[in-house]
Amino acid sequence: MRWLNLLTQTPALAEIFLEGHNPYAHQKLDAADVDGLRQALQSNEVLQAYAIGRIVGAGRGVWAVTDQAVLLREDGQQGVTRIALNQVKTAQAVRGRFGHVLRLHTSGGAHSLFGVARELAAGFHQSLASLEVASQFDDAQAHSRHWRDDAPEGWLQDCLSDARQRLAHA
């Protein structure tokens, strides 16, 4: 099954590795993401931030921070992994060769998401830090100068507003 996933994701991976651009990084949440996250949200939870990137060996992934948990969604998977904030030991957002890499170290293991847009990585870090989770943001120059961080002004707030509005509608 992983080989089939690899074959279907080859164009996106080629764009990331060869051209230095993740075609999913600068997008709003799609309908499947909204539905998956909505099912995982509790009635009183509020979305703080989200990030879209790639999960090694699994494909596209979406991570969301709420005021109570971190939600991890893997494309093609039915459920969403919910990690309570008190289970998160550390978080990192580090600029790498293929965009920003988000890493979560939890009591249950480690998770990573690469090819994340700078703005979403920064928002993810700031949200976790504001919720008193140990989080580090490193925006040092990437190894590759080909990676494009070209989001338009106000794009992050527009994406968050759109996601919050769509998640609120049942």
N, C-alpha and C. Protein backbone atom coordinates (compact mmCIF):
# COMPACT_ATOMS: atom_id res chain seq x y z
N MET A 1 0.82 -1.20 0.00
CA MET A 1 0.00 0.00 0.00
C MET A 1 0.86 1.26 0.00
N ARG A 2 1.99 1.23 0.69
CA ARG A 2 2.87 2.40 0.71
C ARG A 2 3.42 2.71 -0.67
N TRP A 3 3.67 1.66 -1.47
CA TRP A 3 4.15 1.89 -2.84
C TRP A 3 3.10 2.61 -3.66
N LEU A 4 1.84 2.23 -3.48
CA LEU A 4 0.76 2.90 -4.20
C LEU A 4 0.68 4.36 -3.78
N ASN A 5 0.79 4.61 -2.47
CA ASN A 5 0.82 6.00 -1.98
C ASN A 5 1.96 6.78 -2.60
N LEU A 6 3.14 6.17 -2.66
CA LEU A 6 4.30 6.84 -3.22
C LEU A 6 4.07 7.21 -4.69
N LEU A 7 3.50 6.28 -5.44
CA LEU A 7 3.24 6.56 -6.86
C LEU A 7 2.23 7.67 -7.05
N THR A 8 1.19 7.72 -6.23
CA THR A 8 0.18 8.76 -6.37
C THR A 8 0.68 10.12 -5.90
N GLN A 9 1.71 10.13 -5.05
CA GLN A 9 2.21 11.38 -4.51
C GLN A 9 3.47 11.87 -5.19
N THR A 10 3.94 11.15 -6.18
CA THR A 10 5.20 11.49 -6.84
C THR A 10 5.24 12.91 -7.39
N PRO A 11 4.18 13.41 -8.06
CA PRO A 11 4.27 14.79 -8.57
C PRO A 11 4.50 15.83 -7.46
N ALA A 12 3.80 15.68 -6.34
CA ALA A 12 3.97 16.63 -5.24
C ALA A 12 5.36 16.52 -4.63
N LEU A 13 5.83 15.29 -4.46
CA LEU A 13 7.18 15.10 -3.90
C LEU A 13 8.24 15.65 -4.84
N ALA A 14 8.06 15.44 -6.13
CA ALA A 14 9.03 15.96 -7.10
C ALA A 14 9.08 17.49 -7.02
N GLU A 15 7.94 18.12 -6.88
CA GLU A 15 7.92 19.57 -6.79
C GLU A 15 8.62 20.06 -5.52
N ILE A 16 8.44 19.33 -4.44
CA ILE A 16 9.12 19.71 -3.19
C ILE A 16 10.63 19.52 -3.32
N PHE A 17 11.06 18.33 -3.74
CA PHE A 17 12.48 17.99 -3.74
C PHE A 17 13.26 18.64 -4.87
N LEU A 18 12.66 18.76 -6.04
CA LEU A 18 13.39 19.29 -7.19
C LEU A 18 13.22 20.79 -7.38
N GLU A 19 12.01 21.26 -7.17
CA GLU A 19 11.74 22.68 -7.44
C GLU A 19 11.72 23.54 -6.20
N GLY A 20 11.73 22.92 -5.02
CA GLY A 20 11.75 23.71 -3.79
C GLY A 20 10.44 24.38 -3.47
N HIS A 21 9.34 23.71 -3.77
CA HIS A 21 8.02 24.29 -3.49
C HIS A 21 7.05 23.18 -3.12
N ASN A 22 6.34 23.32 -2.01
CA ASN A 22 5.30 22.37 -1.63
C ASN A 22 3.97 22.90 -2.15
N PRO A 23 3.34 22.20 -3.09
CA PRO A 23 2.10 22.69 -3.67
C PRO A 23 0.96 22.77 -2.66
N TYR A 24 1.09 22.10 -1.51
CA TYR A 24 0.04 22.12 -0.50
C TYR A 24 0.28 23.14 0.61
N ALA A 25 1.46 23.72 0.67
CA ALA A 25 1.83 24.55 1.82
C ALA A 25 0.98 25.81 1.96
N HIS A 26 0.68 26.48 0.88
CA HIS A 26 -0.07 27.74 0.92
C HIS A 26 -1.52 27.52 0.50
N GLN A 27 -2.22 26.69 1.24
CA GLN A 27 -3.62 26.44 0.92
C GLN A 27 -4.48 26.55 2.17
N LYS A 28 -5.75 26.84 1.94
CA LYS A 28 -6.72 26.75 3.03
C LYS A 28 -7.04 25.27 3.22
N LEU A 29 -7.65 24.96 4.33
CA LEU A 29 -8.04 23.59 4.60
C LEU A 29 -9.07 23.13 3.58
N ASP A 30 -8.92 21.90 3.07
CA ASP A 30 -9.93 21.40 2.14
C ASP A 30 -11.08 20.78 2.92
N ALA A 31 -12.13 20.38 2.23
CA ALA A 31 -13.35 19.89 2.87
C ALA A 31 -13.08 18.65 3.73
N ALA A 32 -12.23 17.74 3.26
CA ALA A 32 -11.92 16.53 4.03
C ALA A 32 -11.19 16.88 5.33
N ASP A 33 -10.31 17.87 5.27
CA ASP A 33 -9.60 18.32 6.47
C ASP A 33 -10.58 18.91 7.47
N VAL A 34 -11.45 19.77 6.99
CA VAL A 34 -12.44 20.42 7.87
C VAL A 34 -13.33 19.36 8.52
N ASP A 35 -13.82 18.41 7.73
CA ASP A 35 -14.68 17.36 8.29
C ASP A 35 -13.95 16.53 9.33
N GLY A 36 -12.71 16.12 9.03
CA GLY A 36 -11.94 15.32 9.98
C GLY A 36 -11.66 16.06 11.27
N LEU A 37 -11.25 17.32 11.15
CA LEU A 37 -10.95 18.11 12.34
C LEU A 37 -12.22 18.41 13.14
N ARG A 38 -13.30 18.70 12.45
CA ARG A 38 -14.56 19.00 13.13
C ARG A 38 -15.00 17.83 14.00
N GLN A 39 -14.83 16.61 13.49
CA GLN A 39 -15.22 15.42 14.26
C GLN A 39 -14.34 15.24 15.50
N ALA A 40 -13.11 15.70 15.44
CA ALA A 40 -12.18 15.54 16.56
C ALA A 40 -12.30 16.67 17.59
N LEU A 41 -12.87 17.80 17.18
CA LEU A 41 -13.00 18.94 18.09
C LEU A 41 -14.09 18.69 19.12
N GLN A 42 -13.83 19.11 20.33
CA GLN A 42 -14.88 19.09 21.34
C GLN A 42 -15.68 20.38 21.21
N SER A 43 -16.87 20.40 21.75
CA SER A 43 -17.80 21.51 21.52
C SER A 43 -17.26 22.87 21.95
N ASN A 44 -16.41 22.91 22.96
CA ASN A 44 -15.92 24.20 23.45
C ASN A 44 -14.51 24.54 22.98
N GLU A 45 -13.94 23.75 22.07
CA GLU A 45 -12.57 23.99 21.60
C GLU A 45 -12.53 25.09 20.54
N VAL A 46 -11.41 25.81 20.54
CA VAL A 46 -11.21 26.88 19.57
C VAL A 46 -9.91 26.63 18.81
N LEU A 47 -9.97 26.70 17.50
CA LEU A 47 -8.79 26.54 16.66
C LEU A 47 -7.86 27.73 16.87
N GLN A 48 -6.60 27.45 17.16
CA GLN A 48 -5.59 28.50 17.34
C GLN A 48 -4.71 28.65 16.10
N ALA A 49 -4.34 27.51 15.50
CA ALA A 49 -3.45 27.53 14.33
C ALA A 49 -3.53 26.18 13.64
N TYR A 50 -3.06 26.15 12.40
CA TYR A 50 -2.92 24.88 11.70
C TYR A 50 -1.74 24.96 10.76
N ALA A 51 -1.29 23.78 10.31
CA ALA A 51 -0.19 23.71 9.35
C ALA A 51 -0.46 22.57 8.38
N ILE A 52 -0.09 22.79 7.15
CA ILE A 52 -0.22 21.78 6.10
C ILE A 52 1.18 21.44 5.62
N GLY A 53 1.47 20.15 5.52
CA GLY A 53 2.78 19.73 5.06
C GLY A 53 2.75 18.28 4.63
N ARG A 54 3.89 17.63 4.76
CA ARG A 54 4.05 16.23 4.36
C ARG A 54 4.53 15.43 5.55
N ILE A 55 3.99 14.23 5.69
CA ILE A 55 4.42 13.29 6.72
C ILE A 55 5.28 12.25 6.02
N VAL A 56 6.49 12.04 6.50
CA VAL A 56 7.40 11.10 5.87
C VAL A 56 6.75 9.72 5.78
N GLY A 57 6.72 9.18 4.58
CA GLY A 57 6.17 7.85 4.35
C GLY A 57 4.66 7.76 4.35
N ALA A 58 3.98 8.89 4.56
CA ALA A 58 2.53 8.83 4.64
C ALA A 58 1.82 9.81 3.71
N GLY A 59 2.49 10.86 3.27
CA GLY A 59 1.86 11.83 2.37
C GLY A 59 1.45 13.11 3.07
N ARG A 60 0.45 13.74 2.53
CA ARG A 60 -0.02 15.04 3.02
C ARG A 60 -0.56 14.91 4.44
N GLY A 61 -0.28 15.93 5.24
CA GLY A 61 -0.78 15.93 6.61
C GLY A 61 -1.21 17.33 7.03
N VAL A 62 -2.13 17.38 7.97
CA VAL A 62 -2.60 18.64 8.55
C VAL A 62 -2.51 18.52 10.06
N TRP A 63 -1.88 19.49 10.67
CA TRP A 63 -1.81 19.57 12.13
C TRP A 63 -2.55 20.82 12.56
N ALA A 64 -3.31 20.70 13.64
CA ALA A 64 -4.05 21.84 14.17
C ALA A 64 -3.80 21.97 15.66
N VAL A 65 -3.71 23.20 16.13
CA VAL A 65 -3.58 23.49 17.56
C VAL A 65 -4.89 24.11 18.00
N THR A 66 -5.47 23.55 19.06
CA THR A 66 -6.64 24.16 19.67
C THR A 66 -6.22 24.63 21.06
N ASP A 67 -7.15 25.19 21.77
CA ASP A 67 -6.83 25.64 23.13
C ASP A 67 -6.70 24.48 24.10
N GLN A 68 -6.95 23.22 23.63
CA GLN A 68 -6.88 22.06 24.51
C GLN A 68 -5.99 20.93 24.01
N ALA A 69 -5.71 20.89 22.70
CA ALA A 69 -5.00 19.74 22.15
C ALA A 69 -4.33 20.08 20.83
N VAL A 70 -3.49 19.14 20.39
CA VAL A 70 -2.93 19.18 19.04
C VAL A 70 -3.60 18.04 18.28
N LEU A 71 -4.13 18.34 17.10
CA LEU A 71 -4.81 17.35 16.28
C LEU A 71 -3.95 17.05 15.06
N LEU A 72 -3.70 15.77 14.79
CA LEU A 72 -2.88 15.35 13.67
C LEU A 72 -3.75 14.57 12.69
N ARG A 73 -3.81 15.04 11.46
CA ARG A 73 -4.60 14.36 10.43
C ARG A 73 -3.68 13.95 9.29
N GLU A 74 -3.80 12.71 8.89
CA GLU A 74 -3.00 12.16 7.80
C GLU A 74 -3.93 11.90 6.63
N ASP A 75 -3.58 12.41 5.46
CA ASP A 75 -4.41 12.21 4.27
C ASP A 75 -4.63 10.72 4.03
N GLY A 76 -5.85 10.35 3.75
CA GLY A 76 -6.16 8.96 3.48
C GLY A 76 -6.51 8.16 4.72
N GLN A 77 -6.31 8.71 5.89
CA GLN A 77 -6.67 8.04 7.13
C GLN A 77 -8.03 8.53 7.60
N GLN A 78 -8.78 7.68 8.23
CA GLN A 78 -10.13 8.05 8.68
C GLN A 78 -10.12 8.99 9.88
N GLY A 79 -9.38 8.64 10.89
CA GLY A 79 -9.44 9.41 12.12
C GLY A 79 -8.39 10.49 12.23
N VAL A 80 -8.49 11.21 13.31
CA VAL A 80 -7.53 12.26 13.65
C VAL A 80 -6.91 11.88 14.98
N THR A 81 -5.60 11.98 15.08
CA THR A 81 -4.92 11.71 16.34
C THR A 81 -5.01 12.95 17.21
N ARG A 82 -5.48 12.76 18.42
CA ARG A 82 -5.65 13.88 19.35
C ARG A 82 -4.62 13.74 20.47
N ILE A 83 -3.83 14.79 20.68
CA ILE A 83 -2.81 14.79 21.72
C ILE A 83 -3.12 15.97 22.65
N ALA A 84 -3.44 15.66 23.88
CA ALA A 84 -3.71 16.72 24.86
C ALA A 84 -2.46 17.57 25.05
N LEU A 85 -2.64 18.85 25.28
CA LEU A 85 -1.49 19.75 25.42
C LEU A 85 -0.55 19.33 26.54
N ASN A 86 -1.09 18.75 27.61
CA ASN A 86 -0.22 18.33 28.72
C ASN A 86 0.61 17.10 28.36
N GLN A 87 0.34 16.46 27.21
CA GLN A 87 1.12 15.33 26.74
C GLN A 87 2.28 15.76 25.84
N VAL A 88 2.26 17.02 25.40
CA VAL A 88 3.31 17.54 24.53
C VAL A 88 4.48 18.00 25.39
N LYS A 89 5.63 17.34 25.20
CA LYS A 89 6.82 17.71 25.98
C LYS A 89 7.51 18.91 25.36
N THR A 90 7.78 18.85 24.06
CA THR A 90 8.39 19.98 23.35
C THR A 90 7.86 20.03 21.93
N ALA A 91 7.98 21.20 21.35
CA ALA A 91 7.61 21.41 19.95
C ALA A 91 8.70 22.25 19.30
N GLN A 92 8.94 22.00 18.03
CA GLN A 92 9.92 22.77 17.27
C GLN A 92 9.36 23.11 15.91
N ALA A 93 9.73 24.26 15.43
CA ALA A 93 9.48 24.66 14.04
C ALA A 93 10.83 25.14 13.52
N VAL A 94 11.44 24.35 12.66
CA VAL A 94 12.79 24.62 12.20
C VAL A 94 12.80 24.73 10.69
N ARG A 95 13.44 25.76 10.18
CA ARG A 95 13.56 25.91 8.73
C ARG A 95 14.59 24.92 8.21
N GLY A 96 14.18 24.15 7.24
CA GLY A 96 15.06 23.15 6.66
C GLY A 96 15.17 23.30 5.16
N ARG A 97 15.71 22.31 4.54
CA ARG A 97 15.92 22.34 3.09
C ARG A 97 14.60 22.40 2.32
N PHE A 98 13.56 21.77 2.86
CA PHE A 98 12.28 21.68 2.16
C PHE A 98 11.18 22.39 2.95
N GLY A 99 11.42 23.65 3.27
CA GLY A 99 10.45 24.42 4.05
C GLY A 99 10.68 24.20 5.53
N HIS A 100 9.71 24.56 6.33
CA HIS A 100 9.82 24.38 7.76
C HIS A 100 9.41 22.96 8.14
N VAL A 101 10.06 22.45 9.16
CA VAL A 101 9.74 21.15 9.71
C VAL A 101 9.16 21.38 11.10
N LEU A 102 7.98 20.82 11.34
CA LEU A 102 7.38 20.86 12.67
C LEU A 102 7.65 19.53 13.33
N ARG A 103 8.08 19.58 14.58
CA ARG A 103 8.31 18.35 15.35
C ARG A 103 7.60 18.46 16.69
N LEU A 104 6.93 17.39 17.05
CA LEU A 104 6.29 17.29 18.36
C LEU A 104 6.89 16.10 19.09
N HIS A 105 7.33 16.32 20.29
CA HIS A 105 7.81 15.24 21.15
C HIS A 105 6.77 15.11 22.26
N THR A 106 6.13 13.94 22.29
CA THR A 106 5.07 13.71 23.26
C THR A 106 5.42 12.53 24.14
N SER A 107 4.62 12.30 25.15
CA SER A 107 4.86 11.14 26.00
C SER A 107 4.63 9.85 25.23
N GLY A 108 3.92 9.91 24.10
CA GLY A 108 3.66 8.72 23.29
C GLY A 108 4.60 8.55 22.11
N GLY A 109 5.54 9.47 21.89
CA GLY A 109 6.48 9.35 20.78
C GLY A 109 6.76 10.69 20.13
N ALA A 110 7.27 10.63 18.91
CA ALA A 110 7.62 11.85 18.18
C ALA A 110 6.86 11.88 16.85
N HIS A 111 6.54 13.07 16.40
CA HIS A 111 5.82 13.27 15.15
C HIS A 111 6.51 14.40 14.39
N SER A 112 6.51 14.33 13.06
CA SER A 112 7.10 15.42 12.28
C SER A 112 6.30 15.66 11.01
N LEU A 113 6.36 16.90 10.56
CA LEU A 113 5.66 17.36 9.36
C LEU A 113 6.62 18.30 8.65
N PHE A 114 6.95 18.01 7.38
CA PHE A 114 7.89 18.88 6.66
C PHE A 114 7.20 19.56 5.48
N GLY A 115 7.89 20.53 4.91
CA GLY A 115 7.34 21.27 3.78
C GLY A 115 6.25 22.24 4.20
N VAL A 116 6.33 22.76 5.41
CA VAL A 116 5.31 23.67 5.95
C VAL A 116 5.69 25.10 5.59
N ALA A 117 4.71 25.89 5.21
CA ALA A 117 4.93 27.31 4.92
C ALA A 117 5.41 28.04 6.17
N ARG A 118 6.31 29.00 5.97
CA ARG A 118 6.88 29.74 7.10
C ARG A 118 5.81 30.35 7.98
N GLU A 119 4.82 30.97 7.38
CA GLU A 119 3.77 31.65 8.14
C GLU A 119 2.98 30.69 9.01
N LEU A 120 2.65 29.52 8.45
CA LEU A 120 1.90 28.53 9.23
C LEU A 120 2.76 27.94 10.34
N ALA A 121 4.05 27.72 10.06
CA ALA A 121 4.96 27.20 11.09
C ALA A 121 5.09 28.20 12.23
N ALA A 122 5.23 29.47 11.90
CA ALA A 122 5.34 30.51 12.93
C ALA A 122 4.06 30.60 13.75
N GLY A 123 2.92 30.55 13.09
CA GLY A 123 1.64 30.59 13.80
C GLY A 123 1.46 29.39 14.71
N PHE A 124 1.88 28.23 14.24
CA PHE A 124 1.81 27.00 15.03
C PHE A 124 2.65 27.15 16.30
N HIS A 125 3.89 27.61 16.12
CA HIS A 125 4.80 27.83 17.25
C HIS A 125 4.22 28.85 18.24
N GLN A 126 3.76 29.98 17.73
CA GLN A 126 3.24 31.04 18.61
C GLN A 126 2.03 30.57 19.40
N SER A 127 1.18 29.78 18.75
CA SER A 127 0.00 29.27 19.45
C SER A 127 0.39 28.33 20.58
N LEU A 128 1.31 27.41 20.30
CA LEU A 128 1.76 26.50 21.35
C LEU A 128 2.45 27.25 22.48
N ALA A 129 3.30 28.21 22.14
CA ALA A 129 4.00 28.99 23.17
C ALA A 129 3.01 29.77 24.03
N SER A 130 1.97 30.32 23.42
CA SER A 130 0.97 31.08 24.19
C SER A 130 0.15 30.17 25.10
N LEU A 131 0.12 28.88 24.79
CA LEU A 131 -0.58 27.90 25.63
C LEU A 131 0.37 27.23 26.62
N GLU A 132 1.55 27.83 26.79
CA GLU A 132 2.57 27.39 27.74
C GLU A 132 3.14 26.01 27.44
N VAL A 133 3.25 25.68 26.15
CA VAL A 133 3.93 24.48 25.71
C VAL A 133 5.33 24.91 25.30
N ALA A 134 6.35 24.17 25.73
CA ALA A 134 7.73 24.49 25.37
C ALA A 134 7.89 24.37 23.85
N SER A 135 8.08 25.50 23.19
CA SER A 135 8.15 25.51 21.73
C SER A 135 9.30 26.39 21.27
N GLN A 136 9.96 25.94 20.22
CA GLN A 136 11.12 26.65 19.67
C GLN A 136 10.86 26.93 18.19
N PHE A 137 11.22 28.14 17.75
CA PHE A 137 11.09 28.51 16.33
C PHE A 137 12.46 28.93 15.82
N ASP A 138 12.92 28.29 14.76
CA ASP A 138 14.21 28.60 14.17
C ASP A 138 13.98 28.92 12.70
N ASP A 139 14.28 30.16 12.34
CA ASP A 139 14.05 30.61 10.96
C ASP A 139 15.37 30.91 10.26
N ALA A 140 16.41 30.19 10.64
CA ALA A 140 17.73 30.39 10.01
C ALA A 140 17.65 30.06 8.52
N GLN A 141 18.60 30.57 7.78
CA GLN A 141 18.64 30.32 6.34
C GLN A 141 18.65 28.82 6.04
N ALA A 142 17.82 28.42 5.13
CA ALA A 142 17.74 27.01 4.75
C ALA A 142 18.99 26.59 3.98
N HIS A 143 19.24 25.29 3.93
CA HIS A 143 20.36 24.75 3.15
C HIS A 143 20.17 25.04 1.67
N SER A 144 18.93 25.05 1.24
CA SER A 144 18.62 25.30 -0.17
C SER A 144 18.04 26.70 -0.30
N ARG A 145 18.52 27.45 -1.23
CA ARG A 145 17.98 28.80 -1.44
C ARG A 145 16.82 28.79 -2.42
N HIS A 146 16.41 27.60 -2.85
CA HIS A 146 15.34 27.49 -3.83
C HIS A 146 13.95 27.47 -3.20
N TRP A 147 13.88 27.22 -1.89
CA TRP A 147 12.57 27.13 -1.24
C TRP A 147 11.89 28.49 -1.30
N ARG A 148 10.64 28.52 -1.70
CA ARG A 148 9.90 29.77 -1.85
C ARG A 148 8.96 29.98 -0.67
N ASP A 149 9.10 31.11 -0.02
CA ASP A 149 8.17 31.55 1.02
C ASP A 149 7.50 32.81 0.48
N ASP A 150 6.47 32.60 -0.31
CA ASP A 150 5.91 33.74 -1.04
C ASP A 150 4.43 33.93 -0.77
N ALA A 151 4.02 33.82 0.47
CA ALA A 151 2.61 34.04 0.80
C ALA A 151 2.28 35.52 0.74
N PRO A 152 1.13 35.87 0.21
CA PRO A 152 0.73 37.27 0.17
C PRO A 152 0.44 37.84 1.55
N GLU A 153 0.52 39.14 1.67
CA GLU A 153 0.25 39.84 2.93
C GLU A 153 -1.16 39.52 3.42
N GLY A 154 -1.30 39.22 4.70
CA GLY A 154 -2.61 38.94 5.29
C GLY A 154 -3.13 37.54 5.04
N TRP A 155 -2.34 36.73 4.34
CA TRP A 155 -2.77 35.39 3.96
C TRP A 155 -3.05 34.51 5.17
N LEU A 156 -2.18 34.55 6.19
CA LEU A 156 -2.34 33.70 7.36
C LEU A 156 -3.65 33.99 8.09
N GLN A 157 -3.95 35.24 8.34
CA GLN A 157 -5.19 35.58 9.04
C GLN A 157 -6.42 35.19 8.23
N ASP A 158 -6.33 35.33 6.91
CA ASP A 158 -7.43 34.93 6.05
C ASP A 158 -7.68 33.43 6.15
N CYS A 159 -6.61 32.64 6.15
CA CYS A 159 -6.72 31.19 6.25
C CYS A 159 -7.30 30.77 7.59
N LEU A 160 -6.82 31.38 8.68
CA LEU A 160 -7.33 31.04 10.01
C LEU A 160 -8.79 31.42 10.16
N SER A 161 -9.16 32.58 9.67
CA SER A 161 -10.56 33.01 9.74
C SER A 161 -11.46 32.06 8.96
N ASP A 162 -11.01 31.67 7.78
CA ASP A 162 -11.77 30.74 6.96
C ASP A 162 -11.92 29.39 7.67
N ALA A 163 -10.84 28.87 8.24
CA ALA A 163 -10.88 27.58 8.94
C ALA A 163 -11.81 27.63 10.14
N ARG A 164 -11.71 28.70 10.94
CA ARG A 164 -12.57 28.82 12.12
C ARG A 164 -14.04 28.88 11.74
N GLN A 165 -14.33 29.63 10.69
CA GLN A 165 -15.71 29.76 10.24
C GLN A 165 -16.25 28.43 9.73
N ARG A 166 -15.47 27.72 8.94
CA ARG A 166 -15.92 26.44 8.39
C ARG A 166 -16.03 25.36 9.46
N LEU A 167 -15.15 25.39 10.46
CA LEU A 167 -15.23 24.41 11.55
C LEU A 167 -16.42 24.68 12.47
N ALA A 168 -16.84 25.92 12.56
CA ALA A 168 -17.98 26.28 13.42
C ALA A 168 -19.30 25.79 12.85
N HIS A 169 -19.41 25.67 11.54
CA HIS A 169 -20.65 25.24 10.91
C HIS A 169 -20.75 23.72 10.94
N ALA A 170 -21.80 23.23 11.53
CA ALA A 170 -21.97 21.78 11.65
C ALA A 170 -22.54 21.14 10.42
